[in-house]
Amino acid sequence: MITDGLLMLGVLLGLSCVLLVLERTTRWTLFRYVPGMVLMYLLCAGLNSLGLFSADESVRGPITEVKDVLLPAMILLFLFGCDLRRIVRLGPRLLLTYFVAAASLAVAMVLVFALFRGVLDPEAWKVLGALLASWTGGSANMVAVQDILQAPEAIFGYALITDTIIYSVWLMLMFASVAVSPRFNRWVGADTSYLDAHAGEEDDAQSRPVTVPSLAVVVFGSLTVSIAATWVGGLLPEWGAVVNGTTWTILLVSVAGLLIALTPVGRTAGASEVATLMLFVVIGQIASGSDFSALTEAPLYLLVGALVVLIHGAILVLYAKLTRTELFSLAVASTANIGGIASAPVVAGAFNRQLVPVGVLFALMGSFLGTFVGLAAAQLMAAL
């Protein structure tokens, strides 16, 4: 058993390193179906279930403090590319489609929770709020909501398992929708000409080299902002179960990230890469408090997740018929919500390679909004 906090942190860092290297440098089939982040959760939860990590607060305390600093820094870095000027240029039609997709997921989550609340864990609303944050933003938003609401770590695994399985199935459907796109567009009477204005706006962020100055900005700079935001957030008033010091901290770094994105600093190389490293450590800390004995109810949460995306899909089809919206916008908006920055550009490219930036911008909007959509829906579910 590990009874030293520093050694436990070393185990989490080592596992993060191994999984990230394997996921990015090998072609193992395993990573095609189970993301490295989910494997990180399963490994850490498995080690904790075997009794490797001591439950003593003197051991857990340092890890929690590290996570409390990394989480806001991670949110900040993920928002570096979220330039509001480029998002506004998408135009009202594309933006409306994105917001309808996000709103439909929120409505579906609350409705399904209302149906199943009698058989779910009393604190399931916290877990489902975190899941919705992932499906309207990304994994960073999920762990942010988990931290704000203090969703039980023992059942947080439900959110990750449901997220991974439902996302994989939904992504396959989005790719399959490319083949039926012309028929669908004729059925709804869609006009795709307005998309031509958004073609070819490629971003050169990926071509910038990572240097020592850029790493200094994204690592030391993000940690400094995180600590400052945590200090200020602790001074602000708390309201109810949702608005607390952590909520203020996440809000402060989110606004800071949007402002930084408008400056040259927002184009600093290495921001998303460092944020991904931080995400693995945060997931490891959460998983180290989980126990596999609590995963027996996972199928119930999978059913909840499946019903949510089915209702979401039905609402989008109805919206398309009423507004004559083409399938590209629906598929990319849906994938940007449920899949995030990793998959939205890929789905966009499957329809039209020149429209990849639309998928990127959709996903970046979710990086900012996902946390707050998840919190709002969680508040509604708590009221039920």
Protein backbone atom coordinates (compact mmCIF):
# COMPACT_ATOMS: atom_id res chain seq x y z
CA MET A 1 0.00 0.00 0.00
CA ILE A 2 1.21 3.51 -0.88
CA THR A 3 1.14 5.70 2.23
CA ASP A 4 3.10 8.66 0.88
CA GLY A 5 1.32 11.44 -1.03
CA LEU A 6 4.37 12.28 -3.14
CA LEU A 7 4.80 8.65 -4.18
CA MET A 8 1.10 8.42 -5.08
CA LEU A 9 1.47 11.54 -7.24
CA GLY A 10 4.45 9.87 -8.91
CA VAL A 11 2.33 6.84 -9.77
CA LEU A 12 -0.36 9.05 -11.35
CA LEU A 13 2.23 11.00 -13.35
CA GLY A 14 3.94 7.78 -14.48
CA LEU A 15 0.68 6.21 -15.65
CA SER A 16 -0.25 9.43 -17.48
CA CYS A 17 3.12 9.43 -19.23
CA VAL A 18 2.92 5.79 -20.32
CA LEU A 19 -0.66 6.02 -21.61
CA LEU A 20 -0.10 9.29 -23.47
CA VAL A 21 3.03 7.95 -25.16
CA LEU A 22 1.37 4.67 -26.13
CA GLU A 23 -1.79 6.38 -27.39
CA ARG A 24 0.12 8.86 -29.56
CA THR A 25 2.96 6.63 -30.84
CA THR A 26 1.42 3.18 -31.32
CA ARG A 27 -1.33 1.78 -33.51
CA TRP A 28 -2.82 -0.52 -30.93
CA THR A 29 -6.43 -1.41 -31.70
CA LEU A 30 -7.27 -0.91 -28.03
CA PHE A 31 -6.90 2.87 -28.31
CA ARG A 32 -9.35 2.98 -31.23
CA TYR A 33 -12.14 1.86 -28.93
CA VAL A 34 -11.00 2.94 -25.45
CA PRO A 35 -9.39 6.40 -25.22
CA GLY A 36 -6.29 6.80 -23.10
CA MET A 37 -8.23 9.01 -20.69
CA VAL A 38 -10.70 6.21 -19.97
CA LEU A 39 -7.87 3.72 -19.54
CA MET A 40 -6.32 6.14 -17.05
CA TYR A 41 -9.54 6.11 -15.06
CA LEU A 42 -9.88 2.32 -15.19
CA LEU A 43 -6.27 1.70 -14.16
CA CYS A 44 -6.33 4.14 -11.24
CA ALA A 45 -9.74 2.92 -10.06
CA GLY A 46 -8.48 -0.66 -10.35
CA LEU A 47 -5.39 0.08 -8.27
CA ASN A 48 -7.54 1.78 -5.64
CA SER A 49 -9.97 -1.17 -5.62
CA LEU A 50 -7.01 -3.46 -4.94
CA GLY A 51 -6.06 -1.32 -1.95
CA LEU A 52 -2.85 0.14 -3.41
CA PHE A 53 -3.71 3.73 -2.42
CA SER A 54 -4.14 4.61 1.24
CA ALA A 55 -7.39 6.37 2.14
CA ASP A 56 -5.61 8.50 4.74
CA GLU A 57 -6.13 12.25 4.25
CA SER A 58 -2.41 12.89 4.69
CA VAL A 59 -1.85 10.84 1.52
CA ARG A 60 -4.83 12.12 -0.48
CA GLY A 61 -4.48 15.77 0.55
CA PRO A 62 -1.41 16.67 -1.57
CA ILE A 63 -2.94 15.02 -4.66
CA THR A 64 -6.16 16.99 -4.20
CA GLU A 65 -4.20 20.23 -3.89
CA VAL A 66 -2.34 19.49 -7.13
CA LYS A 67 -5.65 18.80 -8.88
CA ASP A 68 -7.16 22.03 -7.54
CA VAL A 69 -4.37 23.97 -9.28
CA LEU A 70 -4.26 21.93 -12.50
CA LEU A 71 -8.01 21.98 -13.20
CA PRO A 72 -8.43 25.77 -13.68
CA ALA A 73 -5.12 25.93 -15.57
CA MET A 74 -6.36 23.19 -17.90
CA ILE A 75 -9.65 25.02 -18.58
CA LEU A 76 -7.70 28.21 -19.33
CA LEU A 77 -5.41 26.49 -21.84
CA PHE A 78 -8.21 24.69 -23.66
CA LEU A 79 -9.81 28.11 -24.32
CA PHE A 80 -6.70 29.68 -25.85
CA GLY A 81 -7.98 28.93 -29.36
CA CYS A 82 -11.55 30.12 -28.72
CA ASP A 83 -11.42 33.39 -30.65
CA LEU A 84 -14.89 34.95 -30.37
CA ARG A 85 -14.33 37.04 -33.51
CA ARG A 86 -14.04 33.91 -35.65
CA ILE A 87 -17.05 32.33 -33.96
CA VAL A 88 -19.24 35.37 -34.65
CA ARG A 89 -18.26 35.17 -38.33
CA LEU A 90 -19.96 31.78 -38.55
CA GLY A 91 -23.23 33.65 -38.91
CA PRO A 92 -26.61 33.28 -37.19
CA ARG A 93 -27.73 30.15 -39.02
CA LEU A 94 -24.78 27.98 -38.05
CA LEU A 95 -24.69 29.39 -34.53
CA LEU A 96 -28.40 28.67 -34.06
CA THR A 97 -27.87 25.07 -35.15
CA TYR A 98 -25.09 24.65 -32.61
CA PHE A 99 -27.17 26.11 -29.76
CA VAL A 100 -30.18 23.96 -30.68
CA ALA A 101 -27.95 20.88 -30.55
CA ALA A 102 -26.62 21.84 -27.11
CA ALA A 103 -30.06 22.78 -25.77
CA SER A 104 -31.59 19.53 -27.02
CA LEU A 105 -29.03 17.52 -25.06
CA ALA A 106 -29.77 19.52 -21.91
CA VAL A 107 -33.53 19.12 -22.29
CA ALA A 108 -33.17 15.41 -23.01
CA MET A 109 -30.94 14.87 -19.97
CA VAL A 110 -33.40 16.55 -17.61
CA LEU A 111 -36.36 14.64 -19.10
CA VAL A 112 -34.66 11.26 -18.88
CA PHE A 113 -33.49 11.97 -15.33
CA ALA A 114 -37.07 12.82 -14.37
CA LEU A 115 -38.14 9.38 -15.66
CA PHE A 116 -35.37 7.42 -13.93
CA ARG A 117 -34.73 9.41 -10.75
CA GLY A 118 -36.56 6.84 -8.63
CA VAL A 119 -34.06 4.08 -9.47
CA LEU A 120 -30.88 6.16 -9.68
CA ASP A 121 -28.45 7.02 -6.90
CA PRO A 122 -29.62 10.03 -4.81
CA GLU A 123 -26.60 11.98 -6.09
CA ALA A 124 -26.97 10.84 -9.71
CA TRP A 125 -27.94 14.38 -10.73
CA LYS A 126 -24.34 15.43 -10.07
CA VAL A 127 -22.93 12.64 -12.23
CA LEU A 128 -25.41 13.32 -15.04
CA GLY A 129 -24.62 17.03 -14.83
CA ALA A 130 -20.96 16.13 -15.36
CA LEU A 131 -21.88 13.85 -18.27
CA LEU A 132 -23.92 16.62 -19.89
CA ALA A 133 -20.97 18.99 -19.47
CA SER A 134 -18.88 16.51 -21.44
CA TRP A 135 -21.57 16.20 -24.12
CA THR A 136 -21.86 19.97 -24.53
CA GLY A 137 -18.17 20.76 -24.09
CA GLY A 138 -15.62 18.05 -23.45
CA SER A 139 -13.78 16.01 -20.86
CA ALA A 140 -12.32 19.12 -19.23
CA ASN A 141 -15.84 20.43 -18.64
CA MET A 142 -16.87 17.09 -17.19
CA VAL A 143 -14.19 17.11 -14.51
CA ALA A 144 -14.86 20.79 -13.81
CA VAL A 145 -18.52 20.06 -13.03
CA GLN A 146 -17.53 16.99 -11.00
CA ASP A 147 -15.25 19.17 -8.92
CA ILE A 148 -17.79 21.97 -8.45
CA LEU A 149 -20.66 19.67 -7.49
CA GLN A 150 -18.43 17.19 -5.65
CA ALA A 151 -20.03 14.33 -7.57
CA PRO A 152 -19.17 11.07 -5.76
CA GLU A 153 -15.99 9.59 -7.17
CA ALA A 154 -17.40 6.11 -6.58
CA ILE A 155 -20.06 6.64 -9.27
CA PHE A 156 -18.24 9.15 -11.48
CA GLY A 157 -17.06 6.15 -13.48
CA TYR A 158 -20.62 5.83 -14.80
CA ALA A 159 -20.23 9.15 -16.60
CA LEU A 160 -16.93 8.15 -18.19
CA ILE A 161 -18.11 4.70 -19.28
CA THR A 162 -21.37 6.06 -20.67
CA ASP A 163 -19.55 8.92 -22.39
CA THR A 164 -17.08 6.58 -24.10
CA ILE A 165 -19.56 3.97 -25.32
CA ILE A 166 -22.33 6.34 -26.44
CA TYR A 167 -19.80 8.68 -28.08
CA SER A 168 -18.26 5.81 -30.08
CA VAL A 169 -21.64 4.63 -31.38
CA TRP A 170 -22.81 8.19 -32.13
CA LEU A 171 -19.60 9.00 -33.99
CA MET A 172 -20.10 5.99 -36.26
CA LEU A 173 -23.62 7.20 -37.02
CA MET A 174 -22.35 10.70 -37.85
CA PHE A 175 -19.84 9.27 -40.32
CA ALA A 176 -22.53 7.04 -41.81
CA SER A 177 -24.78 10.08 -42.26
CA VAL A 178 -22.44 11.42 -44.97
CA ALA A 179 -23.77 8.82 -47.39
CA VAL A 180 -27.40 9.85 -46.90
CA SER A 181 -26.70 13.58 -46.83
CA PRO A 182 -27.99 14.40 -50.35
CA ARG A 183 -31.22 12.48 -49.77
CA PHE A 184 -31.73 14.09 -46.35
CA ASN A 185 -31.10 17.58 -47.75
CA ARG A 186 -33.67 17.01 -50.49
CA TRP A 187 -36.19 15.75 -47.93
CA VAL A 188 -35.89 18.90 -45.77
CA GLY A 189 -35.47 21.22 -48.79
CA ALA A 190 -32.10 22.50 -47.54
CA ASP A 191 -29.96 25.14 -49.26
CA THR A 192 -26.22 24.55 -48.75
CA SER A 193 -24.93 27.57 -50.66
CA TYR A 194 -24.41 29.68 -47.53
CA LEU A 195 -21.70 27.26 -46.36
CA ASP A 196 -19.42 28.43 -49.18
CA ALA A 197 -18.65 31.59 -47.20
CA HIS A 198 -16.98 29.50 -44.48
CA ALA A 199 -14.82 27.26 -46.66
CA GLY A 200 -11.06 27.34 -46.56
CA GLU A 201 -10.48 29.35 -43.38
CA GLU A 202 -7.68 27.14 -42.17
CA ASP A 203 -5.84 27.93 -38.95
CA ASP A 204 -2.05 27.63 -38.83
CA ALA A 205 -1.91 27.04 -35.07
CA GLN A 206 -0.78 23.45 -35.52
CA SER A 207 2.25 24.53 -37.56
CA ARG A 208 3.78 26.68 -34.81
CA PRO A 209 6.74 25.02 -33.08
CA VAL A 210 6.72 24.44 -29.33
CA THR A 211 9.62 26.39 -27.79
CA VAL A 212 10.93 27.13 -24.31
CA PRO A 213 9.20 30.57 -24.25
CA SER A 214 5.90 29.03 -25.40
CA LEU A 215 6.15 26.33 -22.74
CA ALA A 216 6.92 28.98 -20.13
CA VAL A 217 3.77 30.86 -21.08
CA VAL A 218 1.44 27.84 -21.16
CA VAL A 219 2.84 26.06 -18.07
CA PHE A 220 3.95 28.78 -15.67
CA GLY A 221 1.50 31.36 -16.97
CA SER A 222 -1.53 29.06 -16.71
CA LEU A 223 -0.58 27.92 -13.21
CA THR A 224 -0.16 31.53 -12.09
CA VAL A 225 -3.58 32.50 -13.43
CA SER A 226 -5.07 29.36 -11.85
CA ILE A 227 -3.70 30.19 -8.40
CA ALA A 228 -4.79 33.83 -8.67
CA ALA A 229 -8.31 32.82 -9.80
CA THR A 230 -8.57 30.30 -6.95
CA TRP A 231 -7.61 32.99 -4.42
CA VAL A 232 -10.11 35.51 -5.83
CA GLY A 233 -12.83 32.84 -6.15
CA GLY A 234 -12.45 31.99 -2.48
CA LEU A 235 -13.24 35.60 -1.57
CA LEU A 236 -16.50 35.76 -3.54
CA PRO A 237 -19.90 34.87 -2.01
CA GLU A 238 -21.48 31.42 -2.31
CA TRP A 239 -25.09 30.78 -3.38
CA GLY A 240 -26.74 27.40 -3.02
CA ALA A 241 -25.11 24.11 -3.97
CA VAL A 242 -23.87 25.22 -7.39
CA VAL A 243 -22.25 28.64 -6.96
CA ASN A 244 -19.24 28.20 -4.68
CA GLY A 245 -15.57 29.08 -4.67
CA THR A 246 -14.76 26.49 -7.32
CA THR A 247 -17.56 27.81 -9.56
CA TRP A 248 -16.16 31.33 -9.34
CA THR A 249 -12.66 30.03 -10.08
CA ILE A 250 -13.80 28.18 -13.21
CA LEU A 251 -15.80 31.22 -14.34
CA LEU A 252 -12.82 33.53 -13.83
CA VAL A 253 -10.38 31.33 -15.78
CA SER A 254 -12.99 30.79 -18.52
CA VAL A 255 -13.41 34.54 -19.01
CA ALA A 256 -9.64 34.97 -18.85
CA GLY A 257 -9.24 32.27 -21.51
CA LEU A 258 -11.69 34.00 -23.84
CA LEU A 259 -9.89 37.34 -23.39
CA ILE A 260 -6.47 35.77 -23.94
CA ALA A 261 -7.79 34.10 -27.11
CA LEU A 262 -8.31 37.58 -28.58
CA THR A 263 -4.60 38.38 -28.14
CA PRO A 264 -1.41 36.95 -29.71
CA VAL A 265 -0.87 34.97 -26.49
CA GLY A 266 -3.89 32.85 -27.43
CA ARG A 267 -1.93 31.50 -30.39
CA THR A 268 0.96 30.27 -28.22
CA ALA A 269 2.07 26.79 -29.32
CA GLY A 270 1.65 23.89 -26.93
CA ALA A 271 -1.45 25.09 -25.07
CA SER A 272 -3.73 22.18 -26.00
CA GLU A 273 -0.94 19.64 -25.55
CA VAL A 274 -0.11 20.80 -22.02
CA ALA A 275 -3.83 20.97 -21.19
CA THR A 276 -4.16 17.32 -22.26
CA LEU A 277 -1.32 16.33 -19.90
CA MET A 278 -3.10 18.12 -17.06
CA LEU A 279 -6.38 16.39 -17.92
CA PHE A 280 -4.83 12.95 -17.45
CA VAL A 281 -3.53 13.84 -13.99
CA VAL A 282 -6.91 15.28 -12.96
CA ILE A 283 -8.70 12.14 -14.18
CA GLY A 284 -6.19 10.02 -12.28
CA GLN A 285 -6.86 11.91 -9.04
CA ILE A 286 -10.62 11.45 -9.40
CA ALA A 287 -10.27 7.76 -10.29
CA SER A 288 -7.99 7.11 -7.32
CA GLY A 289 -11.04 7.61 -5.10
CA SER A 290 -13.21 5.20 -7.10
CA ASP A 291 -13.99 1.57 -6.40
CA PHE A 292 -15.05 -0.97 -9.05
CA SER A 293 -17.57 -2.45 -6.64
CA ALA A 294 -19.72 0.61 -7.40
CA LEU A 295 -19.87 -0.05 -11.15
CA THR A 296 -22.68 -2.62 -10.96
CA GLU A 297 -25.23 0.06 -11.92
CA ALA A 298 -23.34 1.13 -15.06
CA PRO A 299 -25.89 -0.46 -17.49
CA LEU A 300 -28.63 1.76 -16.06
CA TYR A 301 -26.57 4.87 -16.79
CA LEU A 302 -25.82 3.56 -20.28
CA LEU A 303 -29.57 3.30 -20.87
CA VAL A 304 -30.01 6.87 -19.65
CA GLY A 305 -27.26 8.05 -22.01
CA ALA A 306 -28.72 6.18 -24.98
CA LEU A 307 -32.16 7.71 -24.42
CA VAL A 308 -30.65 11.19 -24.12
CA VAL A 309 -28.90 11.01 -27.51
CA LEU A 310 -31.98 9.48 -29.17
CA ILE A 311 -34.13 12.38 -27.98
CA HIS A 312 -31.35 14.76 -29.04
CA GLY A 313 -31.34 13.24 -32.55
CA ALA A 314 -35.12 13.42 -32.85
CA ILE A 315 -35.12 17.11 -31.88
CA LEU A 316 -32.42 17.87 -34.47
CA VAL A 317 -34.36 16.12 -37.25
CA LEU A 318 -37.50 18.09 -36.34
CA TYR A 319 -35.46 21.31 -36.28
CA ALA A 320 -33.99 20.50 -39.70
CA LYS A 321 -37.42 19.91 -41.20
CA LEU A 322 -38.81 23.15 -39.79
CA THR A 323 -35.85 25.34 -40.74
CA ARG A 324 -34.60 23.47 -43.86
CA THR A 325 -31.18 22.93 -42.32
CA GLU A 326 -28.75 20.68 -44.19
CA LEU A 327 -27.28 17.53 -42.62
CA PHE A 328 -23.71 18.87 -42.47
CA SER A 329 -24.61 21.50 -39.87
CA LEU A 330 -26.63 19.02 -37.82
CA ALA A 331 -23.95 16.32 -37.80
CA VAL A 332 -21.06 18.66 -37.02
CA ALA A 333 -22.99 20.56 -34.32
CA SER A 334 -24.00 17.28 -32.69
CA THR A 335 -20.48 15.85 -32.88
CA ALA A 336 -18.97 19.08 -31.56
CA ASN A 337 -21.18 18.70 -28.49
CA ILE A 338 -20.93 14.96 -27.86
CA GLY A 339 -17.43 14.41 -29.23
CA GLY A 340 -15.66 17.75 -28.81
CA ILE A 341 -12.56 19.11 -30.48
CA ALA A 342 -11.13 15.67 -31.26
CA SER A 343 -13.96 14.52 -33.52
CA ALA A 344 -15.94 17.54 -34.78
CA PRO A 345 -13.27 18.56 -37.36
CA VAL A 346 -13.00 14.94 -38.53
CA VAL A 347 -16.75 14.67 -39.15
CA ALA A 348 -16.71 18.08 -40.86
CA GLY A 349 -13.89 16.88 -43.09
CA ALA A 350 -15.88 13.77 -44.03
CA PHE A 351 -18.56 16.07 -45.49
CA ASN A 352 -16.27 18.74 -46.94
CA ARG A 353 -12.57 19.18 -46.14
CA GLN A 354 -12.80 22.93 -46.68
CA LEU A 355 -15.38 23.21 -43.88
CA VAL A 356 -13.18 21.68 -41.18
CA PRO A 357 -12.81 25.11 -39.44
CA VAL A 358 -16.57 25.11 -38.78
CA GLY A 359 -16.18 21.92 -36.75
CA VAL A 360 -13.23 23.40 -34.85
CA LEU A 361 -15.14 26.57 -33.93
CA PHE A 362 -18.23 24.62 -32.88
CA ALA A 363 -16.10 22.52 -30.53
CA LEU A 364 -14.31 25.58 -29.11
CA MET A 365 -17.66 27.14 -28.22
CA GLY A 366 -18.45 24.02 -26.24
CA SER A 367 -15.15 24.30 -24.38
CA PHE A 368 -16.45 27.51 -22.83
CA LEU A 369 -20.17 26.74 -22.53
CA GLY A 370 -20.12 23.06 -21.53
CA THR A 371 -19.39 23.63 -17.84
CA PHE A 372 -22.21 26.12 -17.40
CA VAL A 373 -24.74 24.05 -19.38
CA GLY A 374 -23.91 21.07 -17.17
CA LEU A 375 -24.28 23.14 -13.99
CA ALA A 376 -27.60 24.66 -15.10
CA ALA A 377 -29.07 21.25 -15.94
CA ALA A 378 -27.73 19.81 -12.68
CA GLN A 379 -29.55 22.54 -10.79
CA LEU A 380 -32.80 21.61 -12.56
CA MET A 381 -32.28 17.92 -11.83
CA ALA A 382 -31.55 18.71 -8.18
CA ALA A 383 -34.83 20.61 -7.97
CA LEU A 384 -36.66 17.49 -9.16
